[in-house]
Amino acid sequence: MPRRLTTRVLAIVVILAMAALGLHVALHWHGQDFDNCQACHVGHAAIPQPAARLVAQSTRPVARFAPAEAPAVDLEPVCTHRIPRAPPV
């Protein structure tokens, strides 16, 4: 019985503390924008986001040494037609 009573009293204290903190944050106000108030700094701090989870994917069998295709034996001659330059002036 005392354990249950202790748990309930602790829960009520935590609830009241959270309510007081919420009221303090909601009613907190400054006339200047340049004030270095710690409550304001904490209120405007960025909330850390959880890290992205990496998903391990299953491996797939890959043919590493695929047989090469037979090279084409058909060779065509390459001709470049040169256009003669005009004589220098």
PDB file of N, CA and C in Angstrom:
ATOM      1  N   MET A   1       0.808  -1.205   0.000  1.00  0.00           N
ATOM      2  CA  MET A   1       0.000   0.000   0.000  1.00  0.00           C
ATOM      3  C   MET A   1       0.851   1.269   0.000  1.00  0.00           C
ATOM      4  N   PRO A   2       1.931   1.354   0.808  1.00  0.00           N
ATOM      5  CA  PRO A   2       2.739   2.574   0.794  1.00  0.00           C
ATOM      6  C   PRO A   2       3.420   2.799  -0.563  1.00  0.00           C
ATOM      7  N   ARG A   3       3.753   1.721  -1.277  1.00  0.00           N
ATOM      8  CA  ARG A   3       4.395   1.866  -2.582  1.00  0.00           C
ATOM      9  C   ARG A   3       3.439   2.510  -3.576  1.00  0.00           C
ATOM     10  N   ARG A   4       2.182   2.096  -3.549  1.00  0.00           N
ATOM     11  CA  ARG A   4       1.178   2.673  -4.451  1.00  0.00           C
ATOM     12  C   ARG A   4       0.971   4.154  -4.127  1.00  0.00           C
ATOM     13  N   LEU A   5       0.922   4.487  -2.841  1.00  0.00           N
ATOM     14  CA  LEU A   5       0.747   5.879  -2.420  1.00  0.00           C
ATOM     15  C   LEU A   5       1.948   6.727  -2.855  1.00  0.00           C
ATOM     16  N   THR A   6       3.145   6.181  -2.714  1.00  0.00           N
ATOM     17  CA  THR A   6       4.359   6.895  -3.125  1.00  0.00           C
ATOM     18  C   THR A   6       4.356   7.126  -4.632  1.00  0.00           C
ATOM     19  N   THR A   7       3.939   6.143  -5.398  1.00  0.00           N
ATOM     20  CA  THR A   7       3.883   6.276  -6.858  1.00  0.00           C
ATOM     21  C   THR A   7       2.882   7.344  -7.262  1.00  0.00           C
ATOM     22  N   ARG A   8       1.742   7.379  -6.624  1.00  0.00           N
ATOM     23  CA  ARG A   8       0.728   8.384  -6.960  1.00  0.00           C
ATOM     24  C   ARG A   8       1.181   9.788  -6.585  1.00  0.00           C
ATOM     25  N   VAL A   9       1.794   9.924  -5.421  1.00  0.00           N
ATOM     26  CA  VAL A   9       2.284  11.240  -5.010  1.00  0.00           C
ATOM     27  C   VAL A   9       3.381  11.712  -5.968  1.00  0.00           C
ATOM     28  N   LEU A  10       4.277  10.823  -6.354  1.00  0.00           N
ATOM     29  CA  LEU A  10       5.329  11.171  -7.304  1.00  0.00           C
ATOM     30  C   LEU A  10       4.741  11.556  -8.662  1.00  0.00           C
ATOM     31  N   ALA A  11       3.712  10.858  -9.111  1.00  0.00           N
ATOM     32  CA  ALA A  11       3.071  11.187 -10.377  1.00  0.00           C
ATOM     33  C   ALA A  11       2.406  12.564 -10.310  1.00  0.00           C
ATOM     34  N   ILE A  12       1.775  12.869  -9.194  1.00  0.00           N
ATOM     35  CA  ILE A  12       1.125  14.181  -9.042  1.00  0.00           C
ATOM     36  C   ILE A  12       2.180  15.290  -9.024  1.00  0.00           C
ATOM     37  N   VAL A  13       3.307  15.058  -8.351  1.00  0.00           N
ATOM     38  CA  VAL A  13       4.378  16.053  -8.308  1.00  0.00           C
ATOM     39  C   VAL A  13       4.948  16.289  -9.712  1.00  0.00           C
ATOM     40  N   VAL A  14       5.144  15.238 -10.470  1.00  0.00           N
ATOM     41  CA  VAL A  14       5.662  15.377 -11.838  1.00  0.00           C
ATOM     42  C   VAL A  14       4.663  16.117 -12.713  1.00  0.00           C
ATOM     43  N   ILE A  15       3.387  15.816 -12.584  1.00  0.00           N
ATOM     44  CA  ILE A  15       2.357  16.497 -13.382  1.00  0.00           C
ATOM     45  C   ILE A  15       2.306  17.981 -13.037  1.00  0.00           C
ATOM     46  N   LEU A  16       2.371  18.312 -11.747  1.00  0.00           N
ATOM     47  CA  LEU A  16       2.363  19.718 -11.337  1.00  0.00           C
ATOM     48  C   LEU A  16       3.620  20.452 -11.804  1.00  0.00           C
ATOM     49  N   ALA A  17       4.764  19.789 -11.774  1.00  0.00           N
ATOM     50  CA  ALA A  17       6.006  20.410 -12.242  1.00  0.00           C
ATOM     51  C   ALA A  17       5.939  20.681 -13.742  1.00  0.00           C
ATOM     52  N   MET A  18       5.400  19.746 -14.503  1.00  0.00           N
ATOM     53  CA  MET A  18       5.266  19.953 -15.947  1.00  0.00           C
ATOM     54  C   MET A  18       4.277  21.067 -16.251  1.00  0.00           C
ATOM     55  N   ALA A  19       3.192  21.149 -15.473  1.00  0.00           N
ATOM     56  CA  ALA A  19       2.221  22.225 -15.669  1.00  0.00           C
ATOM     57  C   ALA A  19       2.846  23.576 -15.336  1.00  0.00           C
ATOM     58  N   ALA A  20       3.629  23.642 -14.261  1.00  0.00           N
ATOM     59  CA  ALA A  20       4.296  24.898 -13.903  1.00  0.00           C
ATOM     60  C   ALA A  20       5.295  25.305 -14.975  1.00  0.00           C
ATOM     61  N   LEU A  21       6.050  24.367 -15.514  1.00  0.00           N
ATOM     62  CA  LEU A  21       6.998  24.660 -16.582  1.00  0.00           C
ATOM     63  C   LEU A  21       6.267  25.141 -17.832  1.00  0.00           C
ATOM     64  N   GLY A  22       5.155  24.500 -18.155  1.00  0.00           N
ATOM     65  CA  GLY A  22       4.362  24.919 -19.316  1.00  0.00           C
ATOM     66  C   GLY A  22       3.804  26.320 -19.152  1.00  0.00           C
ATOM     67  N   LEU A  23       3.315  26.641 -17.955  1.00  0.00           N
ATOM     68  CA  LEU A  23       2.816  27.992 -17.707  1.00  0.00           C
ATOM     69  C   LEU A  23       3.940  29.021 -17.766  1.00  0.00           C
ATOM     70  N   HIS A  24       5.097  28.681 -17.243  1.00  0.00           N
ATOM     71  CA  HIS A  24       6.229  29.605 -17.285  1.00  0.00           C
ATOM     72  C   HIS A  24       6.645  29.889 -18.728  1.00  0.00           C
ATOM     73  N   VAL A  25       6.701  28.866 -19.545  1.00  0.00           N
ATOM     74  CA  VAL A  25       7.081  29.055 -20.949  1.00  0.00           C
ATOM     75  C   VAL A  25       6.021  29.848 -21.690  1.00  0.00           C
ATOM     76  N   ALA A  26       4.746  29.568 -21.426  1.00  0.00           N
ATOM     77  CA  ALA A  26       3.670  30.263 -22.135  1.00  0.00           C
ATOM     78  C   ALA A  26       3.560  31.725 -21.709  1.00  0.00           C
ATOM     79  N   LEU A  27       3.845  32.030 -20.456  1.00  0.00           N
ATOM     80  CA  LEU A  27       3.696  33.384 -19.956  1.00  0.00           C
ATOM     81  C   LEU A  27       5.005  34.172 -19.946  1.00  0.00           C
ATOM     82  N   HIS A  28       6.086  33.580 -20.422  1.00  0.00           N
ATOM     83  CA  HIS A  28       7.402  34.229 -20.430  1.00  0.00           C
ATOM     84  C   HIS A  28       7.439  35.263 -21.549  1.00  0.00           C
ATOM     85  N   TRP A  29       7.799  36.509 -21.207  1.00  0.00           N
ATOM     86  CA  TRP A  29       7.781  37.586 -22.195  1.00  0.00           C
ATOM     87  C   TRP A  29       8.881  38.584 -21.888  1.00  0.00           C
ATOM     88  N   HIS A  30       9.532  39.079 -22.941  1.00  0.00           N
ATOM     89  CA  HIS A  30      10.547  40.118 -22.814  1.00  0.00           C
ATOM     90  C   HIS A  30      10.158  41.284 -23.694  1.00  0.00           C
ATOM     91  N   GLY A  31      10.515  42.481 -23.269  1.00  0.00           N
ATOM     92  CA  GLY A  31      10.247  43.663 -24.070  1.00  0.00           C
ATOM     93  C   GLY A  31      11.303  43.886 -25.132  1.00  0.00           C
ATOM     94  N   GLN A  32      12.506  43.331 -24.921  1.00  0.00           N
ATOM     95  CA  GLN A  32      13.593  43.513 -25.873  1.00  0.00           C
ATOM     96  C   GLN A  32      13.855  42.205 -26.615  1.00  0.00           C
ATOM     97  N   ASP A  33      14.255  42.345 -27.871  1.00  0.00           N
ATOM     98  CA  ASP A  33      14.579  41.148 -28.651  1.00  0.00           C
ATOM     99  C   ASP A  33      16.014  40.683 -28.408  1.00  0.00           C
ATOM    100  N   PHE A  34      16.855  41.545 -27.844  1.00  0.00           N
ATOM    101  CA  PHE A  34      18.267  41.218 -27.692  1.00  0.00           C
ATOM    102  C   PHE A  34      18.589  40.656 -26.323  1.00  0.00           C
ATOM    103  N   ASP A  35      17.606  40.323 -25.526  1.00  0.00           N
ATOM    104  CA  ASP A  35      17.832  39.816 -24.179  1.00  0.00           C
ATOM    105  C   ASP A  35      18.447  38.410 -24.240  1.00  0.00           C
ATOM    106  N   ASN A  36      19.425  38.149 -23.372  1.00  0.00           N
ATOM    107  CA  ASN A  36      20.085  36.850 -23.342  1.00  0.00           C
ATOM    108  C   ASN A  36      19.505  35.981 -22.234  1.00  0.00           C
ATOM    109  N   CYS A  37      18.255  35.655 -22.347  1.00  0.00           N
ATOM    110  CA  CYS A  37      17.570  34.847 -21.349  1.00  0.00           C
ATOM    111  C   CYS A  37      17.768  33.364 -21.676  1.00  0.00           C
ATOM    112  N   GLN A  38      18.134  32.562 -20.685  1.00  0.00           N
ATOM    113  CA  GLN A  38      18.374  31.144 -20.924  1.00  0.00           C
ATOM    114  C   GLN A  38      17.092  30.405 -21.294  1.00  0.00           C
ATOM    115  N   ALA A  39      15.962  30.822 -20.737  1.00  0.00           N
ATOM    116  CA  ALA A  39      14.696  30.171 -21.087  1.00  0.00           C
ATOM    117  C   ALA A  39      14.370  30.410 -22.556  1.00  0.00           C
ATOM    118  N   CYS A  40      14.682  31.609 -23.051  1.00  0.00           N
ATOM    119  CA  CYS A  40      14.431  31.900 -24.477  1.00  0.00           C
ATOM    120  C   CYS A  40      15.366  31.097 -25.368  1.00  0.00           C
ATOM    121  N   HIS A  41      16.619  30.956 -24.937  1.00  0.00           N
ATOM    122  CA  HIS A  41      17.562  30.181 -25.729  1.00  0.00           C
ATOM    123  C   HIS A  41      17.125  28.716 -25.818  1.00  0.00           C
ATOM    124  N   VAL A  42      16.686  28.165 -24.708  1.00  0.00           N
ATOM    125  CA  VAL A  42      16.239  26.772 -24.706  1.00  0.00           C
ATOM    126  C   VAL A  42      14.963  26.631 -25.527  1.00  0.00           C
ATOM    127  N   GLY A  43      14.087  27.610 -25.453  1.00  0.00           N
ATOM    128  CA  GLY A  43      12.832  27.540 -26.207  1.00  0.00           C
ATOM    129  C   GLY A  43      13.019  27.613 -27.703  1.00  0.00           C
ATOM    130  N   HIS A  44      14.094  28.295 -28.144  1.00  0.00           N
ATOM    131  CA  HIS A  44      14.337  28.427 -29.580  1.00  0.00           C
ATOM    132  C   HIS A  44      15.392  27.453 -30.092  1.00  0.00           C
ATOM    133  N   ALA A  45      15.833  26.556 -29.244  1.00  0.00           N
ATOM    134  CA  ALA A  45      16.850  25.592 -29.663  1.00  0.00           C
ATOM    135  C   ALA A  45      16.235  24.580 -30.634  1.00  0.00           C
ATOM    136  N   ALA A  46      17.060  24.105 -31.540  1.00  0.00           N
ATOM    137  CA  ALA A  46      16.599  23.112 -32.509  1.00  0.00           C
ATOM    138  C   ALA A  46      16.401  21.773 -31.813  1.00  0.00           C
ATOM    139  N   ILE A  47      15.351  21.107 -32.189  1.00  0.00           N
ATOM    140  CA  ILE A  47      15.065  19.788 -31.622  1.00  0.00           C
ATOM    141  C   ILE A  47      15.876  18.757 -32.396  1.00  0.00           C
ATOM    142  N   PRO A  48      16.682  17.955 -31.713  1.00  0.00           N
ATOM    143  CA  PRO A  48      17.473  16.957 -32.445  1.00  0.00           C
ATOM    144  C   PRO A  48      16.564  15.916 -33.078  1.00  0.00           C
ATOM    145  N   GLN A  49      16.838  15.626 -34.329  1.00  0.00           N
ATOM    146  CA  GLN A  49      16.064  14.637 -35.071  1.00  0.00           C
ATOM    147  C   GLN A  49      16.755  13.283 -34.972  1.00  0.00           C
ATOM    148  N   PRO A  50      15.974  12.221 -34.994  1.00  0.00           N
ATOM    149  CA  PRO A  50      16.614  10.902 -34.954  1.00  0.00           C
ATOM    150  C   PRO A  50      17.405  10.660 -36.236  1.00  0.00           C
ATOM    151  N   ALA A  51      18.468   9.896 -36.099  1.00  0.00           N
ATOM    152  CA  ALA A  51      19.320   9.601 -37.251  1.00  0.00           C
ATOM    153  C   ALA A  51      18.571   8.689 -38.222  1.00  0.00           C
ATOM    154  N   ALA A  52      18.913   8.818 -39.481  1.00  0.00           N
ATOM    155  CA  ALA A  52      18.293   7.972 -40.504  1.00  0.00           C
ATOM    156  C   ALA A  52      18.747   6.529 -40.302  1.00  0.00           C
ATOM    157  N   ARG A  53      17.834   5.641 -40.462  1.00  0.00           N
ATOM    158  CA  ARG A  53      18.163   4.228 -40.298  1.00  0.00           C
ATOM    159  C   ARG A  53      18.621   3.656 -41.633  1.00  0.00           C
ATOM    160  N   LEU A  54      19.664   2.872 -41.555  1.00  0.00           N
ATOM    161  CA  LEU A  54      20.159   2.201 -42.742  1.00  0.00           C
ATOM    162  C   LEU A  54      19.547   0.815 -42.798  1.00  0.00           C
ATOM    163  N   VAL A  55      19.070   0.483 -43.968  1.00  0.00           N
ATOM    164  CA  VAL A  55      18.460  -0.824 -44.143  1.00  0.00           C
ATOM    165  C   VAL A  55      19.412  -1.685 -44.952  1.00  0.00           C
ATOM    166  N   ALA A  56      19.812  -2.794 -44.390  1.00  0.00           N
ATOM    167  CA  ALA A  56      20.691  -3.708 -45.099  1.00  0.00           C
ATOM    168  C   ALA A  56      19.862  -4.526 -46.083  1.00  0.00           C
ATOM    169  N   GLN A  57      20.254  -4.467 -47.335  1.00  0.00           N
ATOM    170  CA  GLN A  57      19.530  -5.227 -48.347  1.00  0.00           C
ATOM    171  C   GLN A  57      20.256  -6.533 -48.606  1.00  0.00           C
ATOM    172  N   SER A  58      19.481  -7.506 -49.007  1.00  0.00           N
ATOM    173  CA  SER A  58      20.073  -8.806 -49.269  1.00  0.00           C
ATOM    174  C   SER A  58      20.926  -8.743 -50.535  1.00  0.00           C
ATOM    175  N   THR A  59      21.946  -9.550 -50.551  1.00  0.00           N
ATOM    176  CA  THR A  59      22.830  -9.568 -51.707  1.00  0.00           C
ATOM    177  C   THR A  59      22.205 -10.371 -52.836  1.00  0.00           C
ATOM    178  N   ARG A  60      22.508  -9.952 -54.043  1.00  0.00           N
ATOM    179  CA  ARG A  60      22.020 -10.678 -55.215  1.00  0.00           C
ATOM    180  C   ARG A  60      23.211 -11.313 -55.923  1.00  0.00           C
ATOM    181  N   PRO A  61      23.029 -12.488 -56.454  1.00  0.00           N
ATOM    182  CA  PRO A  61      24.150 -13.093 -57.191  1.00  0.00           C
ATOM    183  C   PRO A  61      24.406 -12.315 -58.483  1.00  0.00           C
ATOM    184  N   VAL A  62      25.673 -12.053 -58.730  1.00  0.00           N
ATOM    185  CA  VAL A  62      26.067 -11.293 -59.913  1.00  0.00           C
ATOM    186  C   VAL A  62      27.106 -12.093 -60.670  1.00  0.00           C
ATOM    187  N   ALA A  63      26.946 -12.153 -61.993  1.00  0.00           N
ATOM    188  CA  ALA A  63      27.935 -12.835 -62.821  1.00  0.00           C
ATOM    189  C   ALA A  63      29.124 -11.899 -62.987  1.00  0.00           C
ATOM    190  N   ARG A  64      30.218 -12.192 -62.318  1.00  0.00           N
ATOM    191  CA  ARG A  64      31.371 -11.305 -62.358  1.00  0.00           C
ATOM    192  C   ARG A  64      32.186 -11.496 -63.626  1.00  0.00           C
ATOM    193  N   PHE A  65      32.394 -12.705 -64.008  1.00  0.00           N
ATOM    194  CA  PHE A  65      33.239 -12.979 -65.152  1.00  0.00           C
ATOM    195  C   PHE A  65      32.371 -13.529 -66.282  1.00  0.00           C
ATOM    196  N   ALA A  66      31.692 -12.633 -66.934  1.00  0.00           N
ATOM    197  CA  ALA A  66      30.850 -13.036 -68.061  1.00  0.00           C
ATOM    198  C   ALA A  66      31.752 -13.302 -69.258  1.00  0.00           C
ATOM    199  N   PRO A  67      31.430 -14.320 -70.032  1.00  0.00           N
ATOM    200  CA  PRO A  67      32.272 -14.604 -71.201  1.00  0.00           C
ATOM    201  C   PRO A  67      32.183 -13.452 -72.210  1.00  0.00           C
ATOM    202  N   ALA A  68      33.327 -13.069 -72.724  1.00  0.00           N
ATOM    203  CA  ALA A  68      33.374 -11.977 -73.686  1.00  0.00           C
ATOM    204  C   ALA A  68      32.866 -12.453 -75.038  1.00  0.00           C
ATOM    205  N   GLU A  69      32.236 -11.544 -75.736  1.00  0.00           N
ATOM    206  CA  GLU A  69      31.754 -11.903 -77.075  1.00  0.00           C
ATOM    207  C   GLU A  69      32.936 -11.946 -78.027  1.00  0.00           C
ATOM    208  N   ALA A  70      32.791 -12.727 -79.051  1.00  0.00           N
ATOM    209  CA  ALA A  70      33.859 -12.844 -80.049  1.00  0.00           C
ATOM    210  C   ALA A  70      33.996 -11.508 -80.766  1.00  0.00           C
ATOM    211  N   PRO A  71      35.239 -11.021 -80.948  1.00  0.00           N
ATOM    212  CA  PRO A  71      35.411  -9.732 -81.620  1.00  0.00           C
ATOM    213  C   PRO A  71      35.032  -9.824 -83.093  1.00  0.00           C
ATOM    214  N   ALA A  72      34.501  -8.739 -83.607  1.00  0.00           N
ATOM    215  CA  ALA A  72      34.112  -8.703 -85.018  1.00  0.00           C
ATOM    216  C   ALA A  72      35.374  -8.633 -85.872  1.00  0.00           C
ATOM    217  N   VAL A  73      35.437  -9.464 -86.913  1.00  0.00           N
ATOM    218  CA  VAL A  73      36.600  -9.530 -87.777  1.00  0.00           C
ATOM    219  C   VAL A  73      36.438  -8.600 -88.979  1.00  0.00           C
ATOM    220  N   ASP A  74      35.252  -8.107 -89.223  1.00  0.00           N
ATOM    221  CA  ASP A  74      35.005  -7.251 -90.373  1.00  0.00           C
ATOM    222  C   ASP A  74      35.628  -5.880 -90.131  1.00  0.00           C
ATOM    223  N   LEU A  75      36.706  -5.605 -90.844  1.00  0.00           N
ATOM    224  CA  LEU A  75      37.379  -4.320 -90.728  1.00  0.00           C
ATOM    225  C   LEU A  75      37.101  -3.504 -91.975  1.00  0.00           C
ATOM    226  N   GLU A  76      36.810  -2.251 -91.796  1.00  0.00           N
ATOM    227  CA  GLU A  76      36.564  -1.366 -92.934  1.00  0.00           C
ATOM    228  C   GLU A  76      37.695  -0.353 -93.006  1.00  0.00           C
ATOM    229  N   PRO A  77      38.117  -0.024 -94.204  1.00  0.00           N
ATOM    230  CA  PRO A  77      39.180   0.980 -94.314  1.00  0.00           C
ATOM    231  C   PRO A  77      38.648   2.363 -93.938  1.00  0.00           C
ATOM    232  N   VAL A  78      39.491   3.104 -93.289  1.00  0.00           N
ATOM    233  CA  VAL A  78      39.116   4.449 -92.883  1.00  0.00           C
ATOM    234  C   VAL A  78      39.849   5.419 -93.810  1.00  0.00           C
ATOM    235  N   CYS A  79      39.078   6.219 -94.525  1.00  0.00           N
ATOM    236  CA  CYS A  79      39.673   7.204 -95.428  1.00  0.00           C
ATOM    237  C   CYS A  79      39.272   8.594 -94.971  1.00  0.00           C
ATOM    238  N   THR A  80      40.263   9.459 -94.881  1.00  0.00           N
ATOM    239  CA  THR A  80      39.962  10.849 -94.581  1.00  0.00           C
ATOM    240  C   THR A  80      40.345  11.653 -95.811  1.00  0.00           C
ATOM    241  N   HIS A  81      39.424  12.357 -96.328  1.00  0.00           N
ATOM    242  CA  HIS A  81      39.680  13.195 -97.489  1.00  0.00           C
ATOM    243  C   HIS A  81      40.150  14.545 -96.996  1.00  0.00           C
ATOM    244  N   ARG A  82      41.375  14.895 -97.407  1.00  0.00           N
ATOM    245  CA  ARG A  82      41.924  16.179 -96.987  1.00  0.00           C
ATOM    246  C   ARG A  82      41.630  17.221 -98.035  1.00  0.00           C
ATOM    247  N   ILE A  83      41.134  18.324 -97.527  1.00  0.00           N
ATOM    248  CA  ILE A  83      40.848  19.436 -98.416  1.00  0.00           C
ATOM    249  C   ILE A  83      42.115  20.286 -98.493  1.00  0.00           C
ATOM    250  N   PRO A  84      42.625  20.561 -99.710  1.00  0.00           N
ATOM    251  CA  PRO A  84      43.843  21.341 -99.810  1.00  0.00           C
ATOM    252  C   PRO A  84      43.605  22.783 -99.348  1.00  0.00           C
ATOM    253  N   ARG A  85      44.627  23.323 -98.745  1.00  0.00           N
ATOM    254  CA  ARG A  85      44.541  24.707 -98.288  1.00  0.00           C
ATOM    255  C   ARG A  85      44.818  25.659 -99.435  1.00  0.00           C
ATOM    256  N   ALA A  86      44.339  26.826 -99.271  1.00  0.00           N
ATOM    257  CA  ALA A  86      44.639  27.868-100.254  1.00  0.00           C
ATOM    258  C   ALA A  86      46.073  28.310-100.056  1.00  0.00           C
ATOM    259  N   PRO A  87      46.727  28.764-101.141  1.00  0.00           N
ATOM    260  CA  PRO A  87      48.114  29.224-100.991  1.00  0.00           C
ATOM    261  C   PRO A  87      48.175  30.460-100.113  1.00  0.00           C
ATOM    262  N   PRO A  88      49.263  30.632 -99.399  1.00  0.00           N
ATOM    263  CA  PRO A  88      49.381  31.816 -98.553  1.00  0.00           C
ATOM    264  C   PRO A  88      49.461  33.093 -99.394  1.00  0.00           C
ATOM    265  N   VAL A  89      48.978  34.120 -98.865  1.00  0.00           N
ATOM    266  CA  VAL A  89      48.922  35.385 -99.620  1.00  0.00           C
ATOM    267  C   VAL A  89      50.204  36.160 -99.473  1.00  0.00           C
TER     268      VAL A  89
END
